[in-house]
C-alpha atoms as a PDB file:
ATOM      1  CA  MET A   1     117.690  88.563 130.850  1.00  0.00           C
ATOM      2  CA  SER A   2     120.812  90.736 130.039  1.00  0.00           C
ATOM      3  CA  THR A   3     120.367  94.411 129.647  1.00  0.00           C
ATOM      4  CA  VAL A   4     121.775  97.417 127.652  1.00  0.00           C
ATOM      5  CA  SER A   5     123.381 100.164 129.818  1.00  0.00           C
ATOM      6  CA  GLU A   6     120.849 101.977 132.361  1.00  0.00           C
ATOM      7  CA  LEU A   7     123.432 104.747 132.689  1.00  0.00           C
ATOM      8  CA  ALA A   8     123.489 105.561 128.898  1.00  0.00           C
ATOM      9  CA  ARG A   9     121.180 108.827 127.841  1.00  0.00           C
ATOM     10  CA  PRO A  10     121.077 110.374 124.254  1.00  0.00           C
ATOM     11  CA  GLU A  11     122.698 113.960 123.731  1.00  0.00           C
ATOM     12  CA  ARG A  12     120.146 114.421 121.159  1.00  0.00           C
ATOM     13  CA  CYS A  13     116.883 112.923 119.571  1.00  0.00           C
ATOM     14  CA  LEU A  14     118.101 110.590 117.051  1.00  0.00           C
ATOM     15  CA  LEU A  15     114.865 111.406 115.041  1.00  0.00           C
ATOM     16  CA  CYS A  16     114.843 115.000 114.842  1.00  0.00           C
ATOM     17  CA  GLY A  17     118.457 115.695 115.957  1.00  0.00           C
ATOM     18  CA  TRP A  18     117.192 118.264 118.413  1.00  0.00           C
ATOM     19  CA  PRO A  19     119.432 118.251 121.841  1.00  0.00           C
ATOM     20  CA  ALA A  20     117.648 117.558 124.986  1.00  0.00           C
ATOM     21  CA  LEU A  21     114.235 117.634 125.524  1.00  0.00           C
ATOM     22  CA  LEU A  22     114.463 113.793 126.145  1.00  0.00           C
ATOM     23  CA  ASP A  23     112.437 111.460 128.107  1.00  0.00           C
ATOM     24  CA  GLN A  24     112.520 107.838 129.138  1.00  0.00           C
ATOM     25  CA  ALA A  25     109.234 106.246 126.917  1.00  0.00           C
ATOM     26  CA  GLY A  26     108.486 104.270 130.057  1.00  0.00           C
ATOM     27  CA  PHE A  27     109.235 100.690 128.458  1.00  0.00           C
ATOM     28  CA  ARG A  28     111.643  98.496 127.448  1.00  0.00           C
ATOM     29  CA  GLN A  29     112.027  96.345 124.208  1.00  0.00           C
ATOM     30  CA  ILE A  30     112.488  92.576 124.583  1.00  0.00           C
ATOM     31  CA  TYR A  31     114.981  91.851 121.676  1.00  0.00           C
ATOM     32  CA  GLY A  32     115.447  88.222 120.976  1.00  0.00           C
ATOM     33  CA  GLN A  33     118.694  86.419 120.756  1.00  0.00           C
ATOM     34  CA  PRO A  34     118.522  83.046 119.643  1.00  0.00           C
ATOM     35  CA  GLY A  35     120.284  80.459 121.465  1.00  0.00           C
ATOM     36  CA  SER A  36     120.631  82.802 124.597  1.00  0.00           C
ATOM     37  CA  ALA A  37     118.616  85.021 126.722  1.00  0.00           C
ATOM     38  CA  PRO A  38     117.265  88.180 125.321  1.00  0.00           C
ATOM     39  CA  ILE A  39     118.326  91.556 125.822  1.00  0.00           C
ATOM     40  CA  TYR A  40     116.462  94.816 126.925  1.00  0.00           C
ATOM     41  CA  LEU A  41     116.536  98.161 124.745  1.00  0.00           C
ATOM     42  CA  ARG A  42     116.026 101.272 126.441  1.00  0.00           C
ATOM     43  CA  TRP A  43     113.516 103.552 124.525  1.00  0.00           C
ATOM     44  CA  TRP A  44     113.320 107.408 124.449  1.00  0.00           C
ATOM     45  CA  GLU A  45     110.835 109.991 123.254  1.00  0.00           C
ATOM     46  CA  CYS A  46     111.411 113.533 122.339  1.00  0.00           C
ATOM     47  CA  ARG A  47     109.062 116.164 123.353  1.00  0.00           C
ATOM     48  CA  LEU A  48     109.808 118.274 120.360  1.00  0.00           C
ATOM     49  CA  CYS A  49     109.183 115.450 117.226  1.00  0.00           C
ATOM     50  CA  ARG A  50     106.914 113.132 119.896  1.00  0.00           C
ATOM     51  CA  GLY A  51     109.259 110.340 117.805  1.00  0.00           C
ATOM     52  CA  TRP A  52     110.345 107.101 119.690  1.00  0.00           C
ATOM     53  CA  PHE A  53     113.882 105.598 119.723  1.00  0.00           C
ATOM     54  CA  VAL A  54     116.011 103.184 120.849  1.00  0.00           C
ATOM     55  CA  PHE A  55     119.391 104.186 123.003  1.00  0.00           C
ATOM     56  CA  PRO A  56     121.804 102.806 122.890  1.00  0.00           C
ATOM     57  CA  VAL A  57     121.224 100.596 120.003  1.00  0.00           C
ATOM     58  CA  PRO A  58     122.358  96.930 120.241  1.00  0.00           C
ATOM     59  CA  THR A  59     125.854  95.844 118.960  1.00  0.00           C
ATOM     60  CA  PRO A  60     125.893  94.698 115.346  1.00  0.00           C
ATOM     61  CA  GLU A  61     126.759  91.028 117.017  1.00  0.00           C
ATOM     62  CA  GLU A  62     123.352  91.286 118.553  1.00  0.00           C
ATOM     63  CA  ILE A  63     121.442  92.678 115.732  1.00  0.00           C
ATOM     64  CA  SER A  64     122.758  89.757 113.480  1.00  0.00           C
ATOM     65  CA  ARG A  65     121.885  87.182 116.129  1.00  0.00           C
ATOM     66  CA  HIS A  66     118.473  88.853 116.234  1.00  0.00           C
ATOM     67  CA  CYS A  67     117.867  88.927 112.413  1.00  0.00           C
ATOM     68  CA  SER A  68     118.938  85.611 111.633  1.00  0.00           C
ATOM     69  CA  VAL A  69     115.611  84.079 112.169  1.00  0.00           C
ATOM     70  CA  ALA A  70     113.819  87.223 110.692  1.00  0.00           C
ATOM     71  CA  VAL A  71     111.293  85.996 107.896  1.00  0.00           C
ATOM     72  CA  TRP A  72     112.638  88.650 105.484  1.00  0.00           C
ATOM     73  CA  ASN A  73     116.405  87.136 105.641  1.00  0.00           C
ATOM     74  CA  ASP A  74     115.105  83.683 104.668  1.00  0.00           C
ATOM     75  CA  GLN A  75     116.118  83.923 100.718  1.00  0.00           C
ATOM     76  CA  ASP A  76     113.167  81.379  99.922  1.00  0.00           C
ATOM     77  CA  ARG A  77     110.668  83.398 101.716  1.00  0.00           C
ATOM     78  CA  LYS A  78     111.910  86.707 100.619  1.00  0.00           C
ATOM     79  CA  ILE A  79     111.041  85.830  97.106  1.00  0.00           C
ATOM     80  CA  GLU A  80     107.537  85.168  97.825  1.00  0.00           C
ATOM     81  CA  ILE A  81     107.344  88.498 100.062  1.00  0.00           C
ATOM     82  CA  ALA A  82     108.983  90.522  97.109  1.00  0.00           C
ATOM     83  CA  HIS A  83     105.953  88.768  94.833  1.00  0.00           C
ATOM     84  CA  ASN A  84     103.336  90.162  97.268  1.00  0.00           C
ATOM     85  CA  LYS A  85     104.939  93.559  96.970  1.00  0.00           C
ATOM     86  CA  GLY A  86     104.910  93.808  93.296  1.00  0.00           C
ATOM     87  CA  PRO A  87     101.757  96.201  92.886  1.00  0.00           C
ATOM     88  CA  LEU A  88     103.438  98.799  95.149  1.00  0.00           C
ATOM     89  CA  GLN A  89     106.737  98.282  93.818  1.00  0.00           C
ATOM     90  CA  ASN A  90     104.952  99.379  90.636  1.00  0.00           C
ATOM     91  CA  ARG A  91     103.503 102.575  92.357  1.00  0.00           C
ATOM     92  CA  ILE A  92     106.972 103.504  93.537  1.00  0.00           C
ATOM     93  CA  PHE A  93     108.397 103.397  89.778  1.00  0.00           C
ATOM     94  CA  ALA A  94     105.374 105.312  88.319  1.00  0.00           C
ATOM     95  CA  VAL A  95     106.003 108.291  90.823  1.00  0.00           C
ATOM     96  CA  LEU A  96     109.575 107.997  90.113  1.00  0.00           C
ATOM     97  CA  GLY A  97     109.138 108.215  86.528  1.00  0.00           C
ATOM     98  CA  LYS A  98     107.094 111.123  87.021  1.00  0.00           C
ATOM     99  CA  TRP A  99     109.258 113.278  89.429  1.00  0.00           C
ATOM    100  CA  THR A 100     112.756 112.208  88.030  1.00  0.00           C
ATOM    101  CA  ARG A 101     114.513 110.704  85.059  1.00  0.00           C
ATOM    102  CA  PHE A 102     115.888 107.718  84.852  1.00  0.00           C
ATOM    103  CA  GLY A 103     119.720 106.954  86.363  1.00  0.00           C
ATOM    104  CA  ALA A 104     121.545 105.646  89.417  1.00  0.00           C
ATOM    105  CA  LEU A 105     119.135 104.245  91.771  1.00  0.00           C
ATOM    106  CA  LEU A 106     120.589 103.405  95.358  1.00  0.00           C
ATOM    107  CA  ASP A 107     118.199 100.579  97.138  1.00  0.00           C
ATOM    108  CA  PHE A 108     118.709 101.150 100.942  1.00  0.00           C
ATOM    109  CA  GLY A 109     118.423  97.748 102.515  1.00  0.00           C
ATOM    110  CA  CYS A 110     118.824  96.090  99.238  1.00  0.00           C
ATOM    111  CA  SER A 111     118.363  92.324 100.940  1.00  0.00           C
ATOM    112  CA  PHE A 112     118.670  89.352  98.411  1.00  0.00           C
ATOM    113  CA  GLY A 113     118.197  91.903  95.387  1.00  0.00           C
ATOM    114  CA  GLU A 114     114.657  91.409  93.953  1.00  0.00           C
ATOM    115  CA  PHE A 115     113.923  94.736  94.012  1.00  0.00           C
ATOM    116  CA  MET A 116     116.926  95.875  92.569  1.00  0.00           C
ATOM    117  CA  GLU A 117     116.272  93.336  89.765  1.00  0.00           C
ATOM    118  CA  LEU A 118     112.810  95.003  88.795  1.00  0.00           C
ATOM    119  CA  ALA A 119     114.111  98.479  88.663  1.00  0.00           C
ATOM    120  CA  ARG A 120     116.848  97.468  86.075  1.00  0.00           C
ATOM    121  CA  LYS A 121     114.529  95.905  83.847  1.00  0.00           C
ATOM    122  CA  VAL A 122     112.329  99.417  83.859  1.00  0.00           C
ATOM    123  CA  GLY A 123     115.309 101.380  83.255  1.00  0.00           C
ATOM    124  CA  TRP A 124     116.979 101.992  86.206  1.00  0.00           C
ATOM    125  CA  ALA A 125     120.906 101.470  87.060  1.00  0.00           C
ATOM    126  CA  PRO A 126     120.761 100.158  90.877  1.00  0.00           C
ATOM    127  CA  SER A 127     123.285  99.686  93.326  1.00  0.00           C
ATOM    128  CA  GLY A 128     122.372  98.254  96.708  1.00  0.00           C
ATOM    129  CA  PHE A 129     123.271  98.903 100.877  1.00  0.00           C
ATOM    130  CA  ASP A 130     122.702  96.209 103.136  1.00  0.00           C
ATOM    131  CA  PRO A 131     124.080  95.668 106.533  1.00  0.00           C
ATOM    132  CA  ASN A 132     123.981  92.136 106.170  1.00  0.00           C
ATOM    133  CA  GLU A 133     126.578  90.367 104.325  1.00  0.00           C
ATOM    134  CA  VAL A 134     124.946  87.420 103.487  1.00  0.00           C
ATOM    135  CA  SER A 135     122.194  89.035 101.827  1.00  0.00           C
ATOM    136  CA  ALA A 136     124.897  91.522 100.213  1.00  0.00           C
ATOM    137  CA  LYS A 137     126.810  88.922  98.520  1.00  0.00           C
ATOM    138  CA  VAL A 138     123.418  86.905  96.993  1.00  0.00           C
ATOM    139  CA  ALA A 139     122.633  90.724  95.648  1.00  0.00           C
ATOM    140  CA  SER A 140     125.934  91.131  94.257  1.00  0.00           C
ATOM    141  CA  THR A 141     125.974  87.831  92.524  1.00  0.00           C
ATOM    142  CA  ARG A 142     122.977  89.096  90.554  1.00  0.00           C
ATOM    143  CA  GLY A 143     125.432  91.658  88.835  1.00  0.00           C
ATOM    144  CA  PHE A 144     124.751  94.874  91.343  1.00  0.00           C
ATOM    145  CA  GLU A 145     127.343  96.769  93.070  1.00  0.00           C
ATOM    146  CA  VAL A 146     125.981  95.936  96.718  1.00  0.00           C
ATOM    147  CA  ARG A 147     127.960  97.500  99.824  1.00  0.00           C
ATOM    148  CA  SER A 148     127.631  96.364 103.050  1.00  0.00           C
ATOM    149  CA  GLU A 149     128.482  98.363 106.016  1.00  0.00           C
ATOM    150  CA  TRP A 150     127.063  98.697 109.599  1.00  0.00           C
ATOM    151  CA  GLN A 151     126.436 102.607 108.863  1.00  0.00           C
ATOM    152  CA  LEU A 152     125.734 104.122 105.458  1.00  0.00           C
ATOM    153  CA  HIS A 153     128.412 106.405 105.444  1.00  0.00           C
ATOM    154  CA  ARG A 154     130.930 103.735 106.016  1.00  0.00           C
ATOM    155  CA  ALA A 155     129.859 102.931 102.377  1.00  0.00           C
ATOM    156  CA  VAL A 156     131.375 105.913 100.993  1.00  0.00           C
ATOM    157  CA  PHE A 157     128.786 106.656  98.145  1.00  0.00           C
ATOM    158  CA  PRO A 158     129.527 109.605  96.373  1.00  0.00           C
ATOM    159  CA  GLU A 159     127.493 112.302  97.141  1.00  0.00           C
ATOM    160  CA  ASN A 160     125.048 114.493  94.416  1.00  0.00           C
ATOM    161  CA  HIS A 161     124.941 111.144  92.428  1.00  0.00           C
ATOM    162  CA  PHE A 162     121.691 109.035  92.913  1.00  0.00           C
ATOM    163  CA  ALA A 163     118.310 110.386  90.946  1.00  0.00           C
ATOM    164  CA  ALA A 164     116.527 107.667  93.299  1.00  0.00           C
ATOM    165  CA  ILE A 165     117.135 106.383  96.700  1.00  0.00           C
ATOM    166  CA  THR A 166     114.523 103.863  97.769  1.00  0.00           C
ATOM    167  CA  ALA A 167     113.786 102.729 101.626  1.00  0.00           C
ATOM    168  CA  ILE A 168     111.223  99.784 101.113  1.00  0.00           C
ATOM    169  CA  ASP A 169     110.553  98.938 104.900  1.00  0.00           C
ATOM    170  CA  SER A 170     113.831  99.581 105.751  1.00  0.00           C
ATOM    171  CA  PHE A 171     114.329 102.869 107.387  1.00  0.00           C
ATOM    172  CA  TYR A 172     112.811 101.760 110.892  1.00  0.00           C
ATOM    173  CA  TYR A 173     115.738  99.541 111.184  1.00  0.00           C
ATOM    174  CA  THR A 174     118.519 102.108 111.249  1.00  0.00           C
ATOM    175  CA  TRP A 175     120.068 103.408 114.729  1.00  0.00           C
ATOM    176  CA  ASP A 176     120.717 107.110 113.739  1.00  0.00           C
ATOM    177  CA  PRO A 177     117.538 107.830 111.511  1.00  0.00           C
ATOM    178  CA  TYR A 178     118.215 111.640 111.526  1.00  0.00           C
ATOM    179  CA  GLU A 179     121.915 111.187 110.383  1.00  0.00           C
ATOM    180  CA  THR A 180     120.579 108.865 107.349  1.00  0.00           C
ATOM    181  CA  LEU A 181     118.033 111.217 105.981  1.00  0.00           C
ATOM    182  CA  GLN A 182     120.613 113.944 105.828  1.00  0.00           C
ATOM    183  CA  LEU A 183     122.980 111.543 104.260  1.00  0.00           C
ATOM    184  CA  PHE A 184     120.013 110.489 102.005  1.00  0.00           C
ATOM    185  CA  PHE A 185     119.962 114.062 100.879  1.00  0.00           C
ATOM    186  CA  ARG A 186     123.515 114.580 100.195  1.00  0.00           C
ATOM    187  CA  LEU A 187     123.575 111.246  98.196  1.00  0.00           C
ATOM    188  CA  LEU A 188     120.652 112.542  95.800  1.00  0.00           C
ATOM    189  CA  GLN A 189     121.221 114.647  92.673  1.00  0.00           C
ATOM    190  CA  PRO A 190     119.681 118.037  92.455  1.00  0.00           C
ATOM    191  CA  GLY A 191     115.894 116.877  91.397  1.00  0.00           C
ATOM    192  CA  GLY A 192     116.624 113.522  93.041  1.00  0.00           C
ATOM    193  CA  VAL A 193     113.606 111.746  94.850  1.00  0.00           C
ATOM    194  CA  LEU A 194     113.556 109.511  98.219  1.00  0.00           C
ATOM    195  CA  ALA A 195     110.858 106.860  97.988  1.00  0.00           C
ATOM    196  CA  MET A 196     110.161 105.095 101.241  1.00  0.00           C
ATOM    197  CA  ARG A 197     107.528 102.317 102.539  1.00  0.00           C
ATOM    198  CA  LEU A 198     107.021 103.134 106.187  1.00  0.00           C
ATOM    199  CA  THR A 199     104.919 101.232 108.851  1.00  0.00           C
ATOM    200  CA  ASN A 200     103.075 103.507 110.885  1.00  0.00           C
ATOM    201  CA  LYS A 201     102.844 102.523 114.700  1.00  0.00           C
ATOM    202  CA  ARG A 202     103.533 105.496 116.633  1.00  0.00           C
ATOM    203  CA  VAL A 203      99.956 106.053 117.535  1.00  0.00           C
ATOM    204  CA  VAL A 204      99.212 102.642 118.420  1.00  0.00           C
ATOM    205  CA  LEU A 205     102.368 102.207 120.598  1.00  0.00           C
ATOM    206  CA  GLY A 206     101.001 105.240 122.380  1.00  0.00           C
ATOM    207  CA  LEU A 207      97.817 103.392 123.019  1.00  0.00           C
ATOM    208  CA  ALA A 208      99.307 100.574 123.750  1.00  0.00           C
ATOM    209  CA  ARG A 209     101.499 102.409 126.450  1.00  0.00           C
ATOM    210  CA  ALA A 210      98.452 104.272 127.896  1.00  0.00           C
ATOM    211  CA  LEU A 211      96.700 101.115 128.472  1.00  0.00           C
ATOM    212  CA  SER A 212      99.315  98.703 129.770  1.00  0.00           C
ATOM    213  CA  ARG A 213     100.701  98.586 133.379  1.00  0.00           C
ATOM    214  CA  SER A 214     104.209  99.667 133.472  1.00  0.00           C
ATOM    215  CA  GLY A 215     106.894  96.718 133.631  1.00  0.00           C
ATOM    216  CA  ALA A 216     106.817  93.042 132.166  1.00  0.00           C
ATOM    217  CA  GLU A 217     103.239  93.170 130.751  1.00  0.00           C
ATOM    218  CA  ARG A 218     103.918  96.543 128.586  1.00  0.00           C
ATOM    219  CA  ASP A 219     107.258  95.460 127.524  1.00  0.00           C
ATOM    220  CA  LYS A 220     105.863  92.128 125.934  1.00  0.00           C
ATOM    221  CA  ARG A 221     103.099  94.106 124.185  1.00  0.00           C
ATOM    222  CA  LEU A 222     105.245  96.957 122.731  1.00  0.00           C
ATOM    223  CA  SER A 223     107.905  94.578 121.999  1.00  0.00           C
ATOM    224  CA  ARG A 224     104.975  92.350 119.953  1.00  0.00           C
ATOM    225  CA  ILE A 225     103.963  95.500 117.946  1.00  0.00           C
ATOM    226  CA  LEU A 226     107.438  96.858 117.104  1.00  0.00           C
ATOM    227  CA  GLN A 227     108.915  93.809 115.710  1.00  0.00           C
ATOM    228  CA  GLY A 228     112.608  94.579 115.982  1.00  0.00           C
ATOM    229  CA  GLN A 229     112.263  98.285 114.929  1.00  0.00           C
ATOM    230  CA  PHE A 230     114.595 100.973 116.240  1.00  0.00           C
ATOM    231  CA  HIS A 231     112.276 104.165 116.382  1.00  0.00           C
ATOM    232  CA  SER A 232     108.854 105.022 115.535  1.00  0.00           C
ATOM    233  CA  ILE A 233     107.194 108.554 114.604  1.00  0.00           C
ATOM    234  CA  ALA A 234     104.111 109.946 113.352  1.00  0.00           C
ATOM    235  CA  ILE A 235     104.347 110.483 109.302  1.00  0.00           C
ATOM    236  CA  GLU A 236     103.364 114.016 109.922  1.00  0.00           C
ATOM    237  CA  SER A 237     106.665 114.493 112.327  1.00  0.00           C
ATOM    238  CA  LEU A 238     108.440 112.550 109.637  1.00  0.00           C
ATOM    239  CA  VAL A 239     107.429 115.137 106.994  1.00  0.00           C
ATOM    240  CA  SER A 240     108.483 117.915 109.083  1.00  0.00           C
ATOM    241  CA  ILE A 241     112.143 116.461 109.436  1.00  0.00           C
ATOM    242  CA  LEU A 242     112.388 115.744 106.062  1.00  0.00           C
ATOM    243  CA  ARG A 243     111.698 119.175 105.375  1.00  0.00           C
ATOM    244  CA  SER A 244     114.469 120.453 107.950  1.00  0.00           C
ATOM    245  CA  VAL A 245     117.050 118.606 106.308  1.00  0.00           C
ATOM    246  CA  GLY A 246     116.209 120.412 103.039  1.00  0.00           C
ATOM    247  CA  PHE A 247     113.503 118.305 100.930  1.00  0.00           C
ATOM    248  CA  ASP A 248     111.551 120.458  99.000  1.00  0.00           C
ATOM    249  CA  ARG A 249     108.702 118.469  97.679  1.00  0.00           C
ATOM    250  CA  ILE A 250     106.958 115.939  99.522  1.00  0.00           C
ATOM    251  CA  GLU A 251     103.834 113.604  99.341  1.00  0.00           C
ATOM    252  CA  VAL A 252     102.473 110.620 101.331  1.00  0.00           C
ATOM    253  CA  ASP A 253     100.704 108.112  99.771  1.00  0.00           C
ATOM    254  CA  SER A 254      98.361 106.157 102.347  1.00  0.00           C
ATOM    255  CA  GLN A 255      96.972 102.569 101.775  1.00  0.00           C
ATOM    256  CA  ALA A 256     100.550 101.262 100.955  1.00  0.00           C
ATOM    257  CA  MET A 257      99.744  97.390 101.545  1.00  0.00           C
ATOM    258  CA  THR A 258     102.257  94.671 100.884  1.00  0.00           C
ATOM    259  CA  ALA A 259      99.617  92.414  99.562  1.00  0.00           C
ATOM    260  CA  SER A 260      96.632  92.466  97.827  1.00  0.00           C
ATOM    261  CA  TRP A 261      93.872  93.089 100.006  1.00  0.00           C
ATOM    262  CA  ARG A 262      91.872  89.954  99.757  1.00  0.00           C
ATOM    263  CA  THR A 263      95.143  88.305 101.616  1.00  0.00           C
ATOM    264  CA  LEU A 264      95.010  90.407 104.084  1.00  0.00           C
ATOM    265  CA  SER A 265      94.080  89.394 107.687  1.00  0.00           C
ATOM    266  CA  ALA A 266      90.998  90.768 108.862  1.00  0.00           C
ATOM    267  CA  SER A 267      92.676  93.136 111.340  1.00  0.00           C
ATOM    268  CA  THR A 268      94.777  94.681 108.854  1.00  0.00           C
ATOM    269  CA  ARG A 269      92.135  95.388 106.844  1.00  0.00           C
ATOM    270  CA  LEU A 270      89.858  96.930 109.511  1.00  0.00           C
ATOM    271  CA  ALA A 271      93.002  98.925 110.189  1.00  0.00           C
ATOM    272  CA  TYR A 272      93.498 100.245 107.226  1.00  0.00           C
ATOM    273  CA  GLY A 273      89.748 101.056 106.679  1.00  0.00           C
ATOM    274  CA  LEU A 274      89.557 103.353 110.186  1.00  0.00           C
ATOM    275  CA  ALA A 275      92.710 105.142 109.095  1.00  0.00           C
ATOM    276  CA  ARG A 276      90.865 106.057 105.777  1.00  0.00           C
ATOM    277  CA  VAL A 277      87.703 107.055 107.929  1.00  0.00           C
ATOM    278  CA  VAL A 278      90.017 108.858 110.396  1.00  0.00           C
ATOM    279  CA  SER A 279      91.931 110.884 107.289  1.00  0.00           C
ATOM    280  CA  LEU A 280      88.676 111.977 105.776  1.00  0.00           C
ATOM    281  CA  LEU A 281      86.871 113.013 108.811  1.00  0.00           C
ATOM    282  CA  THR A 282      90.443 115.263 110.225  1.00  0.00           C
ATOM    283  CA  LEU A 283      90.671 116.555 106.505  1.00  0.00           C
ATOM    284  CA  TYR A 284      93.905 114.504 106.134  1.00  0.00           C
ATOM    285  CA  LYS A 285      95.861 116.076 109.178  1.00  0.00           C
ATOM    286  CA  VAL A 286      96.050 112.719 111.119  1.00  0.00           C
ATOM    287  CA  ASN A 287      97.376 109.668 109.158  1.00  0.00           C
ATOM    288  CA  LEU A 288      96.961 106.072 111.047  1.00  0.00           C
ATOM    289  CA  SER A 289      97.403 104.163 108.040  1.00  0.00           C
ATOM    290  CA  PRO A 290      99.173 101.016 108.982  1.00  0.00           C
ATOM    291  CA  GLY A 291     101.772 101.404 106.050  1.00  0.00           C
ATOM    292  CA  VAL A 292     102.456 104.590 103.914  1.00  0.00           C
ATOM    293  CA  LEU A 293     104.351 105.289 100.907  1.00  0.00           C
ATOM    294  CA  LEU A 294     106.435 108.455 101.555  1.00  0.00           C
ATOM    295  CA  PHE A 295     108.231 110.302  98.356  1.00  0.00           C
ATOM    296  CA  ALA A 296     110.922 113.388  99.223  1.00  0.00           C
ATOM    297  CA  GLN A 297     112.341 115.476  96.333  1.00  0.00           C
ATOM    298  CA  LYS A 298     115.659 117.283  96.763  1.00  0.00           C
ATOM    299  CA  ALA A 299     115.359 120.898  94.734  1.00  0.00           C
ATOM    300  CA  PRO A 300     116.484 120.428  91.200  1.00  0.00           C
END
């Protein structure tokens, strides 16, 4: 297996922007490369926000190779996945409709454009961003402006322009999340809303690290949980970071399943059920839900 540089060290936390206070997280992520040996990604932990992140991130070529066999990059499967997310997407539209007015919408990680199609039908004017050129080209053939770059700031979208930005299961694949959140804020109009569907794995990852022996066993276990993500942070900490960026109103909606309850696996249903119990017992201070919707509004 090849490995990224063992000498590189981040100068700041990529999740909260704080300098120093960083420790190695005690494992390396096995990042698959079809047709060749996987690479090892070094993970770091911030003592301030308790978030974990990859540094250095793999190259665009390594990311492309890894993503080439991902289910969400299969256009046929993507239609099925988008259909399963229908109720979740309707919840997003309902909140956006209450918090802000129809207008320009940026779908971050737009893939083949299924969500933008729905957004257009209910009254939004969507544009898209996706690092994957193939997906972006398909989405653009549906009549949308779609920009494809490896970093959002290179797409040069106008600031103070969007009434809404959506990032559905895409934020944890960004390789400079704090910079991305800052840019989301600048791209939104006053009163604009950021809507994100997020996986919530930080506590599970911490338990897996604590219960596994350092080395190959731990690397494999945590890599299976991560499924290609480049960072993980507790929802409560992410809310604090969003406030530091400048967002005024923030709400978290738990139980954000990406399929109907009856089609979920028994283990996933158990995870959502236990998370709900923990939330009630801690008076909603601890959120362990496997998936959440998060809405953050820029002050009018």
